[in-house]
PDB file of N, CA and C in Angstrom:
ATOM      1  N   MET A   1      38.043 -23.104  73.869  1.00  0.00           N
ATOM      2  CA  MET A   1      38.218 -23.250  72.588  1.00  0.00           C
ATOM      3  C   MET A   1      39.201 -22.265  72.235  1.00  0.00           C
ATOM      4  N   VAL A   2      39.941 -22.969  70.963  1.00  0.00           N
ATOM      5  CA  VAL A   2      41.242 -22.247  70.167  1.00  0.00           C
ATOM      6  C   VAL A   2      40.690 -21.097  69.294  1.00  0.00           C
ATOM      7  N   LYS A   3      41.211 -19.793  69.732  1.00  0.00           N
ATOM      8  CA  LYS A   3      40.808 -18.566  68.757  1.00  0.00           C
ATOM      9  C   LYS A   3      41.741 -18.706  67.850  1.00  0.00           C
ATOM     10  N   VAL A   4      41.455 -18.407  66.375  1.00  0.00           N
ATOM     11  CA  VAL A   4      42.304 -18.625  65.421  1.00  0.00           C
ATOM     12  C   VAL A   4      41.764 -17.321  64.362  1.00  0.00           C
ATOM     13  N   TYR A   5      42.832 -16.594  64.351  1.00  0.00           N
ATOM     14  CA  TYR A   5      42.733 -15.383  63.515  1.00  0.00           C
ATOM     15  C   TYR A   5      43.212 -16.055  61.854  1.00  0.00           C
ATOM     16  N   VAL A   6      42.171 -15.829  61.061  1.00  0.00           N
ATOM     17  CA  VAL A   6      42.355 -16.345  59.518  1.00  0.00           C
ATOM     18  C   VAL A   6      42.720 -15.175  58.824  1.00  0.00           C
ATOM     19  N   ALA A   7      44.248 -15.291  58.223  1.00  0.00           N
ATOM     20  CA  ALA A   7      44.605 -14.145  57.496  1.00  0.00           C
ATOM     21  C   ALA A   7      44.949 -14.395  56.202  1.00  0.00           C
ATOM     22  N   GLY A   8      45.029 -13.280  55.452  1.00  0.00           N
ATOM     23  CA  GLY A   8      45.259 -13.584  53.943  1.00  0.00           C
ATOM     24  C   GLY A   8      45.135 -12.218  53.315  1.00  0.00           C
ATOM     25  N   ALA A   9      45.193 -12.583  51.667  1.00  0.00           N
ATOM     26  CA  ALA A   9      45.011 -11.393  50.816  1.00  0.00           C
ATOM     27  C   ALA A   9      43.781 -10.832  51.001  1.00  0.00           C
ATOM     28  N   TYR A  10      43.435  -9.777  50.802  1.00  0.00           N
ATOM     29  CA  TYR A  10      41.929  -9.195  50.865  1.00  0.00           C
ATOM     30  C   TYR A  10      41.870  -8.260  49.678  1.00  0.00           C
ATOM     31  N   SER A  11      42.474  -7.236  49.675  1.00  0.00           N
ATOM     32  CA  SER A  11      42.255  -6.111  48.471  1.00  0.00           C
ATOM     33  C   SER A  11      42.907  -6.891  47.170  1.00  0.00           C
ATOM     34  N   ALA A  12      42.412  -6.107  46.187  1.00  0.00           N
ATOM     35  CA  ALA A  12      42.731  -6.784  44.712  1.00  0.00           C
ATOM     36  C   ALA A  12      42.860  -5.513  43.788  1.00  0.00           C
ATOM     37  N   ASP A  13      43.105  -5.868  42.449  1.00  0.00           N
ATOM     38  CA  ASP A  13      43.053  -4.903  41.568  1.00  0.00           C
ATOM     39  C   ASP A  13      41.797  -4.641  40.799  1.00  0.00           C
ATOM     40  N   ASN A  14      40.846  -5.675  41.043  1.00  0.00           N
ATOM     41  CA  ASN A  14      39.569  -5.936  40.469  1.00  0.00           C
ATOM     42  C   ASN A  14      38.639  -6.258  41.320  1.00  0.00           C
ATOM     43  N   ALA A  15      37.291  -6.548  41.040  1.00  0.00           N
ATOM     44  CA  ALA A  15      36.339  -7.067  42.085  1.00  0.00           C
ATOM     45  C   ALA A  15      36.258  -8.339  41.800  1.00  0.00           C
ATOM     46  N   ILE A  16      36.626  -9.127  40.644  1.00  0.00           N
ATOM     47  CA  ILE A  16      36.604 -10.780  40.524  1.00  0.00           C
ATOM     48  C   ILE A  16      37.521 -11.107  41.359  1.00  0.00           C
ATOM     49  N   LYS A  17      39.012 -10.565  41.724  1.00  0.00           N
ATOM     50  CA  LYS A  17      39.968 -11.143  42.534  1.00  0.00           C
ATOM     51  C   LYS A  17      39.663 -10.781  44.119  1.00  0.00           C
ATOM     52  N   LEU A  18      38.869  -9.215  43.897  1.00  0.00           N
ATOM     53  CA  LEU A  18      38.561  -9.443  45.857  1.00  0.00           C
ATOM     54  C   LEU A  18      37.705 -10.223  45.875  1.00  0.00           C
ATOM     55  N   PHE A  19      36.595 -10.494  45.299  1.00  0.00           N
ATOM     56  CA  PHE A  19      35.718 -11.527  45.746  1.00  0.00           C
ATOM     57  C   PHE A  19      36.291 -12.839  45.855  1.00  0.00           C
ATOM     58  N   GLY A  20      37.233 -13.098  45.185  1.00  0.00           N
ATOM     59  CA  GLY A  20      37.693 -14.762  45.390  1.00  0.00           C
ATOM     60  C   GLY A  20      38.562 -14.426  46.614  1.00  0.00           C
ATOM     61  N   ASN A  21      39.313 -13.594  46.962  1.00  0.00           N
ATOM     62  CA  ASN A  21      40.257 -13.391  48.065  1.00  0.00           C
ATOM     63  C   ASN A  21      39.093 -13.691  49.282  1.00  0.00           C
ATOM     64  N   MET A  22      37.950 -12.834  49.010  1.00  0.00           N
ATOM     65  CA  MET A  22      37.037 -12.864  50.238  1.00  0.00           C
ATOM     66  C   MET A  22      36.326 -14.315  50.423  1.00  0.00           C
ATOM     67  N   ARG A  23      36.186 -15.053  49.171  1.00  0.00           N
ATOM     68  CA  ARG A  23      35.337 -16.278  49.248  1.00  0.00           C
ATOM     69  C   ARG A  23      36.629 -17.278  49.988  1.00  0.00           C
ATOM     70  N   ARG A  24      37.685 -17.305  49.546  1.00  0.00           N
ATOM     71  CA  ARG A  24      38.701 -18.427  50.114  1.00  0.00           C
ATOM     72  C   ARG A  24      39.089 -18.066  51.309  1.00  0.00           C
ATOM     73  N   GLY A  25      38.924 -16.787  51.821  1.00  0.00           N
ATOM     74  CA  GLY A  25      39.027 -16.529  53.586  1.00  0.00           C
ATOM     75  C   GLY A  25      37.855 -16.976  54.094  1.00  0.00           C
ATOM     76  N   MET A  26      36.711 -16.712  53.518  1.00  0.00           N
ATOM     77  CA  MET A  26      35.416 -17.131  54.463  1.00  0.00           C
ATOM     78  C   MET A  26      35.390 -18.496  54.344  1.00  0.00           C
ATOM     79  N   GLN A  27      35.405 -19.242  53.369  1.00  0.00           N
ATOM     80  CA  GLN A  27      35.453 -20.681  53.256  1.00  0.00           C
ATOM     81  C   GLN A  27      36.624 -21.511  54.460  1.00  0.00           C
ATOM     82  N   LEU A  28      37.899 -20.953  54.477  1.00  0.00           N
ATOM     83  CA  LEU A  28      38.747 -21.342  55.506  1.00  0.00           C
ATOM     84  C   LEU A  28      38.140 -21.031  56.756  1.00  0.00           C
ATOM     85  N   ALA A  29      37.783 -19.653  57.183  1.00  0.00           N
ATOM     86  CA  ALA A  29      37.047 -19.472  58.207  1.00  0.00           C
ATOM     87  C   ALA A  29      36.276 -20.415  58.760  1.00  0.00           C
ATOM     88  N   MET A  30      35.196 -20.877  57.972  1.00  0.00           N
ATOM     89  CA  MET A  30      34.290 -21.818  58.165  1.00  0.00           C
ATOM     90  C   MET A  30      34.787 -23.097  58.469  1.00  0.00           C
ATOM     91  N   LYS A  31      35.839 -23.533  57.762  1.00  0.00           N
ATOM     92  CA  LYS A  31      36.353 -24.902  58.002  1.00  0.00           C
ATOM     93  C   LYS A  31      36.950 -25.071  59.493  1.00  0.00           C
ATOM     94  N   VAL A  32      37.550 -23.821  59.973  1.00  0.00           N
ATOM     95  CA  VAL A  32      38.354 -23.654  61.204  1.00  0.00           C
ATOM     96  C   VAL A  32      36.912 -23.747  62.321  1.00  0.00           C
ATOM     97  N   PHE A  33      35.820 -23.217  61.927  1.00  0.00           N
ATOM     98  CA  PHE A  33      34.495 -23.243  62.847  1.00  0.00           C
ATOM     99  C   PHE A  33      34.229 -24.508  62.877  1.00  0.00           C
ATOM    100  N   GLN A  34      34.015 -25.519  61.717  1.00  0.00           N
ATOM    101  CA  GLN A  34      33.510 -26.636  61.672  1.00  0.00           C
ATOM    102  C   GLN A  34      34.405 -27.538  62.463  1.00  0.00           C
ATOM    103  N   LYS A  35      35.797 -27.429  62.678  1.00  0.00           N
ATOM    104  CA  LYS A  35      36.596 -28.129  63.290  1.00  0.00           C
ATOM    105  C   LYS A  35      36.643 -27.880  65.008  1.00  0.00           C
ATOM    106  N   GLY A  36      35.791 -27.068  65.395  1.00  0.00           N
ATOM    107  CA  GLY A  36      35.699 -26.966  66.846  1.00  0.00           C
ATOM    108  C   GLY A  36      36.415 -25.626  67.170  1.00  0.00           C
ATOM    109  N   MET A  37      36.713 -24.669  66.358  1.00  0.00           N
ATOM    110  CA  MET A  37      37.441 -23.611  66.893  1.00  0.00           C
ATOM    111  C   MET A  37      37.018 -22.308  66.781  1.00  0.00           C
ATOM    112  N   ALA A  38      37.032 -21.211  67.111  1.00  0.00           N
ATOM    113  CA  ALA A  38      36.497 -20.006  67.025  1.00  0.00           C
ATOM    114  C   ALA A  38      37.535 -19.090  66.133  1.00  0.00           C
ATOM    115  N   PRO A  39      36.940 -18.907  64.987  1.00  0.00           N
ATOM    116  CA  PRO A  39      37.651 -18.304  63.979  1.00  0.00           C
ATOM    117  C   PRO A  39      37.312 -16.538  63.931  1.00  0.00           C
ATOM    118  N   TRP A  40      38.171 -15.847  63.637  1.00  0.00           N
ATOM    119  CA  TRP A  40      37.837 -14.373  63.336  1.00  0.00           C
ATOM    120  C   TRP A  40      38.742 -14.094  62.293  1.00  0.00           C
ATOM    121  N   THR A  41      38.083 -13.494  61.188  1.00  0.00           N
ATOM    122  CA  THR A  41      38.595 -12.914  60.154  1.00  0.00           C
ATOM    123  C   THR A  41      38.141 -11.568  59.500  1.00  0.00           C
ATOM    124  N   PRO A  42      39.201 -10.824  58.644  1.00  0.00           N
ATOM    125  CA  PRO A  42      38.907  -9.517  58.293  1.00  0.00           C
ATOM    126  C   PRO A  42      37.622  -9.530  57.335  1.00  0.00           C
ATOM    127  N   TRP A  43      37.648 -10.644  56.577  1.00  0.00           N
ATOM    128  CA  TRP A  43      36.690 -10.763  55.589  1.00  0.00           C
ATOM    129  C   TRP A  43      35.257 -10.675  55.561  1.00  0.00           C
ATOM    130  N   PHE A  44      35.000 -10.855  57.162  1.00  0.00           N
ATOM    131  CA  PHE A  44      33.654 -10.557  57.672  1.00  0.00           C
ATOM    132  C   PHE A  44      33.270  -9.235  57.769  1.00  0.00           C
ATOM    133  N   ASP A  45      34.322  -8.303  57.614  1.00  0.00           N
ATOM    134  CA  ASP A  45      34.139  -6.888  58.108  1.00  0.00           C
ATOM    135  C   ASP A  45      33.565  -6.021  56.975  1.00  0.00           C
ATOM    136  N   TYR A  46      33.267  -6.571  55.553  1.00  0.00           N
ATOM    137  CA  TYR A  46      32.568  -6.154  54.969  1.00  0.00           C
ATOM    138  C   TYR A  46      31.252  -5.423  55.161  1.00  0.00           C
ATOM    139  N   HIS A  47      30.624  -6.200  56.204  1.00  0.00           N
ATOM    140  CA  HIS A  47      29.427  -5.236  56.641  1.00  0.00           C
ATOM    141  C   HIS A  47      29.523  -3.984  56.987  1.00  0.00           C
ATOM    142  N   PHE A  48      30.741  -3.896  57.779  1.00  0.00           N
ATOM    143  CA  PHE A  48      30.955  -2.446  58.211  1.00  0.00           C
ATOM    144  C   PHE A  48      31.162  -1.575  57.059  1.00  0.00           C
ATOM    145  N   GLY A  49      31.926  -1.793  56.162  1.00  0.00           N
ATOM    146  CA  GLY A  49      31.964  -1.125  55.143  1.00  0.00           C
ATOM    147  C   GLY A  49      30.559  -0.738  54.071  1.00  0.00           C
ATOM    148  N   LEU A  50      29.691  -1.610  54.304  1.00  0.00           N
ATOM    149  CA  LEU A  50      28.467  -1.242  53.835  1.00  0.00           C
ATOM    150  C   LEU A  50      27.653  -0.453  54.597  1.00  0.00           C
ATOM    151  N   MET A  51      27.770  -0.270  55.763  1.00  0.00           N
ATOM    152  CA  MET A  51      27.186   0.447  56.588  1.00  0.00           C
ATOM    153  C   MET A  51      27.610   1.580  57.271  1.00  0.00           C
ATOM    154  N   GLY A  52      28.965   1.797  56.738  1.00  0.00           N
ATOM    155  CA  GLY A  52      29.624   2.999  57.157  1.00  0.00           C
ATOM    156  C   GLY A  52      29.279   4.376  56.410  1.00  0.00           C
ATOM    157  N   ASP A  53      29.890   5.526  56.878  1.00  0.00           N
ATOM    158  CA  ASP A  53      29.477   6.614  55.942  1.00  0.00           C
ATOM    159  C   ASP A  53      30.755   7.086  55.533  1.00  0.00           C
ATOM    160  N   ASP A  54      30.830   8.110  55.010  1.00  0.00           N
ATOM    161  CA  ASP A  54      32.160   8.972  54.568  1.00  0.00           C
ATOM    162  C   ASP A  54      33.187   9.104  55.609  1.00  0.00           C
ATOM    163  N   LYS A  55      32.692   9.069  57.211  1.00  0.00           N
ATOM    164  CA  LYS A  55      33.781   9.394  58.019  1.00  0.00           C
ATOM    165  C   LYS A  55      34.390   8.196  58.545  1.00  0.00           C
ATOM    166  N   PHE A  56      33.778   7.012  58.821  1.00  0.00           N
ATOM    167  CA  PHE A  56      34.005   5.855  58.975  1.00  0.00           C
ATOM    168  C   PHE A  56      33.247   4.671  58.408  1.00  0.00           C
ATOM    169  N   PRO A  57      34.137   3.567  58.353  1.00  0.00           N
ATOM    170  CA  PRO A  57      35.419   3.411  58.518  1.00  0.00           C
ATOM    171  C   PRO A  57      36.196   3.759  57.419  1.00  0.00           C
ATOM    172  N   LYS A  58      37.555   3.988  57.753  1.00  0.00           N
ATOM    173  CA  LYS A  58      38.811   4.234  56.786  1.00  0.00           C
ATOM    174  C   LYS A  58      39.704   2.729  56.897  1.00  0.00           C
ATOM    175  N   VAL A  59      40.471   2.688  55.978  1.00  0.00           N
ATOM    176  CA  VAL A  59      41.322   1.739  55.726  1.00  0.00           C
ATOM    177  C   VAL A  59      42.064   1.546  57.301  1.00  0.00           C
ATOM    178  N   HIS A  60      42.689   2.563  57.755  1.00  0.00           N
ATOM    179  CA  HIS A  60      43.523   2.235  58.913  1.00  0.00           C
ATOM    180  C   HIS A  60      42.541   1.804  59.946  1.00  0.00           C
ATOM    181  N   ASP A  61      41.305   2.164  60.078  1.00  0.00           N
ATOM    182  CA  ASP A  61      40.649   1.731  61.183  1.00  0.00           C
ATOM    183  C   ASP A  61      40.320   0.200  61.253  1.00  0.00           C
ATOM    184  N   PHE A  62      40.105  -0.169  59.712  1.00  0.00           N
ATOM    185  CA  PHE A  62      39.908  -1.789  59.764  1.00  0.00           C
ATOM    186  C   PHE A  62      41.397  -2.384  60.249  1.00  0.00           C
ATOM    187  N   TYR A  63      42.312  -1.854  59.737  1.00  0.00           N
ATOM    188  CA  TYR A  63      43.745  -2.566  60.300  1.00  0.00           C
ATOM    189  C   TYR A  63      44.149  -2.613  61.820  1.00  0.00           C
ATOM    190  N   ASP A  64      43.630  -1.345  62.346  1.00  0.00           N
ATOM    191  CA  ASP A  64      43.667  -1.273  63.814  1.00  0.00           C
ATOM    192  C   ASP A  64      42.653  -2.523  64.461  1.00  0.00           C
ATOM    193  N   TYR A  65      41.488  -2.221  63.881  1.00  0.00           N
ATOM    194  CA  TYR A  65      40.488  -3.405  64.497  1.00  0.00           C
ATOM    195  C   TYR A  65      40.976  -4.823  64.391  1.00  0.00           C
ATOM    196  N   SER A  66      41.326  -5.191  63.406  1.00  0.00           N
ATOM    197  CA  SER A  66      41.664  -6.532  62.949  1.00  0.00           C
ATOM    198  C   SER A  66      43.057  -6.996  63.637  1.00  0.00           C
ATOM    199  N   LEU A  67      44.092  -5.963  63.996  1.00  0.00           N
ATOM    200  CA  LEU A  67      45.110  -6.584  64.624  1.00  0.00           C
ATOM    201  C   LEU A  67      44.706  -6.442  66.077  1.00  0.00           C
ATOM    202  N   ALA A  68      43.774  -6.131  66.634  1.00  0.00           N
ATOM    203  CA  ALA A  68      43.392  -6.283  67.986  1.00  0.00           C
ATOM    204  C   ALA A  68      42.817  -7.497  68.181  1.00  0.00           C
ATOM    205  N   TRP A  69      42.165  -8.034  67.256  1.00  0.00           N
ATOM    206  CA  TRP A  69      41.595  -9.433  67.230  1.00  0.00           C
ATOM    207  C   TRP A  69      42.972 -10.678  67.496  1.00  0.00           C
ATOM    208  N   LEU A  70      43.798 -10.117  66.199  1.00  0.00           N
ATOM    209  CA  LEU A  70      45.080 -10.788  66.230  1.00  0.00           C
ATOM    210  C   LEU A  70      45.688 -11.107  67.463  1.00  0.00           C
ATOM    211  N   GLU A  71      45.930  -9.950  68.035  1.00  0.00           N
ATOM    212  CA  GLU A  71      46.773 -10.035  69.442  1.00  0.00           C
ATOM    213  C   GLU A  71      46.135 -10.849  70.395  1.00  0.00           C
ATOM    214  N   VAL A  72      44.829 -11.104  70.454  1.00  0.00           N
ATOM    215  CA  VAL A  72      44.128 -12.089  71.501  1.00  0.00           C
ATOM    216  C   VAL A  72      43.706 -13.495  70.911  1.00  0.00           C
ATOM    217  N   SER A  73      44.432 -13.975  69.649  1.00  0.00           N
ATOM    218  CA  SER A  73      44.147 -15.160  69.220  1.00  0.00           C
ATOM    219  C   SER A  73      45.335 -16.088  69.598  1.00  0.00           C
ATOM    220  N   ASP A  74      44.807 -17.211  69.707  1.00  0.00           N
ATOM    221  CA  ASP A  74      45.946 -18.336  69.932  1.00  0.00           C
ATOM    222  C   ASP A  74      46.725 -18.766  68.950  1.00  0.00           C
ATOM    223  N   ALA A  75      46.084 -18.409  67.927  1.00  0.00           N
ATOM    224  CA  ALA A  75      46.904 -19.166  66.607  1.00  0.00           C
ATOM    225  C   ALA A  75      46.588 -18.245  65.341  1.00  0.00           C
ATOM    226  N   VAL A  76      47.168 -18.061  64.279  1.00  0.00           N
ATOM    227  CA  VAL A  76      47.187 -17.398  63.110  1.00  0.00           C
ATOM    228  C   VAL A  76      47.087 -18.446  62.135  1.00  0.00           C
ATOM    229  N   LEU A  77      46.014 -18.670  61.176  1.00  0.00           N
ATOM    230  CA  LEU A  77      46.099 -19.410  59.882  1.00  0.00           C
ATOM    231  C   LEU A  77      46.041 -18.589  58.527  1.00  0.00           C
ATOM    232  N   VAL A  78      46.979 -18.688  57.799  1.00  0.00           N
ATOM    233  CA  VAL A  78      47.062 -18.165  56.385  1.00  0.00           C
ATOM    234  C   VAL A  78      46.379 -18.744  55.224  1.00  0.00           C
ATOM    235  N   VAL A  79      45.661 -18.024  54.516  1.00  0.00           N
ATOM    236  CA  VAL A  79      45.180 -18.480  53.124  1.00  0.00           C
ATOM    237  C   VAL A  79      46.456 -18.307  52.356  1.00  0.00           C
ATOM    238  N   PRO A  80      47.365 -19.193  51.777  1.00  0.00           N
ATOM    239  CA  PRO A  80      48.447 -19.260  50.951  1.00  0.00           C
ATOM    240  C   PRO A  80      48.233 -18.377  49.642  1.00  0.00           C
ATOM    241  N   GLU A  81      47.243 -18.339  49.089  1.00  0.00           N
ATOM    242  CA  GLU A  81      47.087 -17.632  47.908  1.00  0.00           C
ATOM    243  C   GLU A  81      47.074 -16.324  48.107  1.00  0.00           C
ATOM    244  N   ASN A  82      48.126 -15.569  46.753  1.00  0.00           N
ATOM    245  CA  ASN A  82      48.232 -14.305  46.717  1.00  0.00           C
ATOM    246  C   ASN A  82      48.684 -13.674  48.201  1.00  0.00           C
ATOM    247  N   VAL A  83      49.409 -14.301  48.982  1.00  0.00           N
ATOM    248  CA  VAL A  83      50.221 -13.353  50.110  1.00  0.00           C
ATOM    249  C   VAL A  83      51.139 -12.889  49.674  1.00  0.00           C
ATOM    250  N   GLU A  84      52.021 -13.205  48.817  1.00  0.00           N
ATOM    251  CA  GLU A  84      53.284 -12.547  48.340  1.00  0.00           C
ATOM    252  C   GLU A  84      53.198 -10.976  47.836  1.00  0.00           C
ATOM    253  N   GLY A  85      51.824 -10.747  47.625  1.00  0.00           N
ATOM    254  CA  GLY A  85      51.587  -9.198  47.414  1.00  0.00           C
ATOM    255  C   GLY A  85      50.646  -8.643  48.388  1.00  0.00           C
ATOM    256  N   SER A  86      50.419  -9.205  49.386  1.00  0.00           N
ATOM    257  CA  SER A  86      49.678  -8.717  50.319  1.00  0.00           C
ATOM    258  C   SER A  86      50.438  -7.903  51.655  1.00  0.00           C
ATOM    259  N   LYS A  87      50.420  -6.740  51.587  1.00  0.00           N
ATOM    260  CA  LYS A  87      51.189  -6.033  52.641  1.00  0.00           C
ATOM    261  C   LYS A  87      50.670  -6.301  53.871  1.00  0.00           C
ATOM    262  N   GLY A  88      49.049  -6.329  54.164  1.00  0.00           N
ATOM    263  CA  GLY A  88      48.468  -6.419  55.190  1.00  0.00           C
ATOM    264  C   GLY A  88      48.677  -7.641  55.795  1.00  0.00           C
ATOM    265  N   THR A  89      48.574  -9.013  54.907  1.00  0.00           N
ATOM    266  CA  THR A  89      48.975 -10.019  55.508  1.00  0.00           C
ATOM    267  C   THR A  89      50.502 -10.124  56.092  1.00  0.00           C
ATOM    268  N   LYS A  90      51.471  -9.688  55.293  1.00  0.00           N
ATOM    269  CA  LYS A  90      52.786  -9.752  55.757  1.00  0.00           C
ATOM    270  C   LYS A  90      52.808  -9.090  57.392  1.00  0.00           C
ATOM    271  N   ARG A  91      52.080  -7.938  57.578  1.00  0.00           N
ATOM    272  CA  ARG A  91      52.054  -7.117  58.574  1.00  0.00           C
ATOM    273  C   ARG A  91      51.530  -7.958  59.880  1.00  0.00           C
ATOM    274  N   GLU A  92      50.298  -8.658  59.500  1.00  0.00           N
ATOM    275  CA  GLU A  92      49.706  -9.580  60.458  1.00  0.00           C
ATOM    276  C   GLU A  92      50.758 -10.900  60.677  1.00  0.00           C
ATOM    277  N   ILE A  93      51.373 -11.561  60.109  1.00  0.00           N
ATOM    278  CA  ILE A  93      52.234 -12.168  60.327  1.00  0.00           C
ATOM    279  C   ILE A  93      53.544 -11.852  61.159  1.00  0.00           C
ATOM    280  N   ALA A  94      54.155 -10.770  60.834  1.00  0.00           N
ATOM    281  CA  ALA A  94      55.040 -10.129  61.568  1.00  0.00           C
ATOM    282  C   ALA A  94      54.660  -9.871  62.854  1.00  0.00           C
ATOM    283  N   ARG A  95      53.235  -9.375  63.052  1.00  0.00           N
ATOM    284  CA  ARG A  95      52.890  -8.899  64.380  1.00  0.00           C
ATOM    285  C   ARG A  95      52.637 -10.217  65.409  1.00  0.00           C
ATOM    286  N   ALA A  96      52.220 -11.362  64.666  1.00  0.00           N
ATOM    287  CA  ALA A  96      51.851 -12.760  65.513  1.00  0.00           C
ATOM    288  C   ALA A  96      53.491 -13.219  65.876  1.00  0.00           C
ATOM    289  N   GLU A  97      54.388 -13.156  64.844  1.00  0.00           N
ATOM    290  CA  GLU A  97      55.413 -13.315  65.429  1.00  0.00           C
ATOM    291  C   GLU A  97      56.212 -12.634  66.594  1.00  0.00           C
ATOM    292  N   GLU A  98      55.938 -11.280  66.793  1.00  0.00           N
ATOM    293  CA  GLU A  98      56.457 -10.754  67.591  1.00  0.00           C
ATOM    294  C   GLU A  98      55.606 -10.929  68.805  1.00  0.00           C
ATOM    295  N   LEU A  99      54.336 -11.517  68.883  1.00  0.00           N
ATOM    296  CA  LEU A  99      53.790 -11.663  70.074  1.00  0.00           C
ATOM    297  C   LEU A  99      53.985 -13.205  70.502  1.00  0.00           C
ATOM    298  N   GLY A 100      54.819 -13.929  69.497  1.00  0.00           N
ATOM    299  CA  GLY A 100      54.833 -15.416  69.821  1.00  0.00           C
ATOM    300  C   GLY A 100      53.666 -16.468  69.559  1.00  0.00           C
ATOM    301  N   ILE A 101      52.837 -15.756  68.798  1.00  0.00           N
ATOM    302  CA  ILE A 101      51.598 -16.203  68.409  1.00  0.00           C
ATOM    303  C   ILE A 101      52.163 -16.952  67.162  1.00  0.00           C
ATOM    304  N   PRO A 102      51.681 -18.563  67.133  1.00  0.00           N
ATOM    305  CA  PRO A 102      52.212 -19.392  66.194  1.00  0.00           C
ATOM    306  C   PRO A 102      51.367 -19.089  64.836  1.00  0.00           C
ATOM    307  N   VAL A 103      51.793 -19.299  63.655  1.00  0.00           N
ATOM    308  CA  VAL A 103      51.668 -19.098  62.455  1.00  0.00           C
ATOM    309  C   VAL A 103      51.304 -20.328  61.685  1.00  0.00           C
ATOM    310  N   PHE A 104      50.381 -20.563  60.901  1.00  0.00           N
ATOM    311  CA  PHE A 104      50.202 -21.846  60.382  1.00  0.00           C
ATOM    312  C   PHE A 104      49.780 -21.752  58.774  1.00  0.00           C
ATOM    313  N   TRP A 105      50.321 -22.564  57.854  1.00  0.00           N
ATOM    314  CA  TRP A 105      49.911 -22.341  56.486  1.00  0.00           C
ATOM    315  C   TRP A 105      49.050 -23.533  56.272  1.00  0.00           C
ATOM    316  N   SER A 106      48.719 -24.190  57.190  1.00  0.00           N
ATOM    317  CA  SER A 106      47.555 -25.388  56.476  1.00  0.00           C
ATOM    318  C   SER A 106      46.661 -25.714  57.592  1.00  0.00           C
ATOM    319  N   MET A 107      45.506 -26.263  57.289  1.00  0.00           N
ATOM    320  CA  MET A 107      44.700 -27.041  58.352  1.00  0.00           C
ATOM    321  C   MET A 107      45.340 -28.032  58.879  1.00  0.00           C
ATOM    322  N   LYS A 108      45.812 -28.736  58.388  1.00  0.00           N
ATOM    323  CA  LYS A 108      46.749 -30.147  58.986  1.00  0.00           C
ATOM    324  C   LYS A 108      47.477 -29.422  60.146  1.00  0.00           C
ATOM    325  N   GLU A 109      48.397 -28.491  59.956  1.00  0.00           N
ATOM    326  CA  GLU A 109      49.385 -27.852  60.967  1.00  0.00           C
ATOM    327  C   GLU A 109      48.360 -27.576  62.219  1.00  0.00           C
ATOM    328  N   LEU A 110      47.463 -26.698  61.769  1.00  0.00           N
ATOM    329  CA  LEU A 110      46.459 -26.192  62.842  1.00  0.00           C
ATOM    330  C   LEU A 110      45.904 -27.346  63.688  1.00  0.00           C
ATOM    331  N   LEU A 111      45.385 -28.409  63.044  1.00  0.00           N
ATOM    332  CA  LEU A 111      44.498 -29.228  63.905  1.00  0.00           C
ATOM    333  C   LEU A 111      45.817 -30.105  64.758  1.00  0.00           C
ATOM    334  N   LYS A 112      47.138 -30.150  64.465  1.00  0.00           N
ATOM    335  CA  LYS A 112      48.105 -30.550  65.275  1.00  0.00           C
ATOM    336  C   LYS A 112      48.258 -30.085  66.543  1.00  0.00           C
ATOM    337  N   PHE A 113      48.215 -28.331  66.384  1.00  0.00           N
ATOM    338  CA  PHE A 113      48.313 -27.448  67.450  1.00  0.00           C
ATOM    339  C   PHE A 113      47.076 -27.462  68.158  1.00  0.00           C
ATOM    340  N   LYS A 114      45.528 -27.747  67.724  1.00  0.00           N
ATOM    341  CA  LYS A 114      44.628 -27.635  68.434  1.00  0.00           C
ATOM    342  C   LYS A 114      44.639 -28.878  69.460  1.00  0.00           C
ATOM    343  N   LYS A 115      44.958 -30.053  69.032  1.00  0.00           N
ATOM    344  CA  LYS A 115      45.321 -31.346  70.097  1.00  0.00           C
ATOM    345  C   LYS A 115      46.372 -30.792  70.928  1.00  0.00           C
ATOM    346  N   THR A 116      47.221 -30.411  70.628  1.00  0.00           N
ATOM    347  CA  THR A 116      48.079 -30.109  71.923  1.00  0.00           C
ATOM    348  C   THR A 116      47.588 -28.732  72.746  1.00  0.00           C
ATOM    349  N   GLN A 117      46.816 -28.174  72.218  1.00  0.00           N
ATOM    350  CA  GLN A 117      46.059 -27.077  73.542  1.00  0.00           C
ATOM    351  C   GLN A 117      45.265 -27.959  74.050  1.00  0.00           C
ATOM    352  N   GLU A 118      44.226 -28.917  73.610  1.00  0.00           N
ATOM    353  CA  GLU A 118      43.370 -29.542  74.241  1.00  0.00           C
ATOM    354  C   GLU A 118      43.924 -30.551  75.299  1.00  0.00           C
ATOM    355  N   SER A 119      45.121 -31.103  75.073  1.00  0.00           N
ATOM    356  CA  SER A 119      45.662 -31.896  75.899  1.00  0.00           C
ATOM    357  C   SER A 119      46.362 -31.293  77.077  1.00  0.00           C
ATOM    358  N   GLU A 120      46.296 -30.057  77.158  1.00  0.00           N
ATOM    359  CA  GLU A 120      46.984 -29.067  78.082  1.00  0.00           C
ATOM    360  C   GLU A 120      46.047 -28.981  79.455  1.00  0.00           C
TER     361      GLU A 120
END
C-alpha cells in the first residue's frame, strides 16, 4: 500500500481559518484513503493537543513527530490552499525533496504515481 504524507497549511490567525485548513487536509486524507492508499497527516494530531498537559506537546514536538512520518512515506500530497504562507509546509516539501520523495500537488498526479508503484 502506498504511504502518503498529506501536507498543507495548518496554523492560521483565527479559529475559522484554522478549522478550514484542518477540514481541507482531513478531507484530502480521506480521499487518499478511499483510493486505496495509506494517508498520514498532521491534522489528525489535534487529539494529542487536547490530551496533552502544559509540558507536552510543544510545537517542535509536533514538527519532529510529523517529519518522522514524512521520512517513511512513499509520496507527499500537498493541499494547495494557503501554502505560500505556511513555513511548516515549505519545510515538509524541502525535506521530501532532500530525501527524493516525490511531491504531488493534485490527486490526479498522485494516482498516476500509485499506478506505477503497483506495476513494479
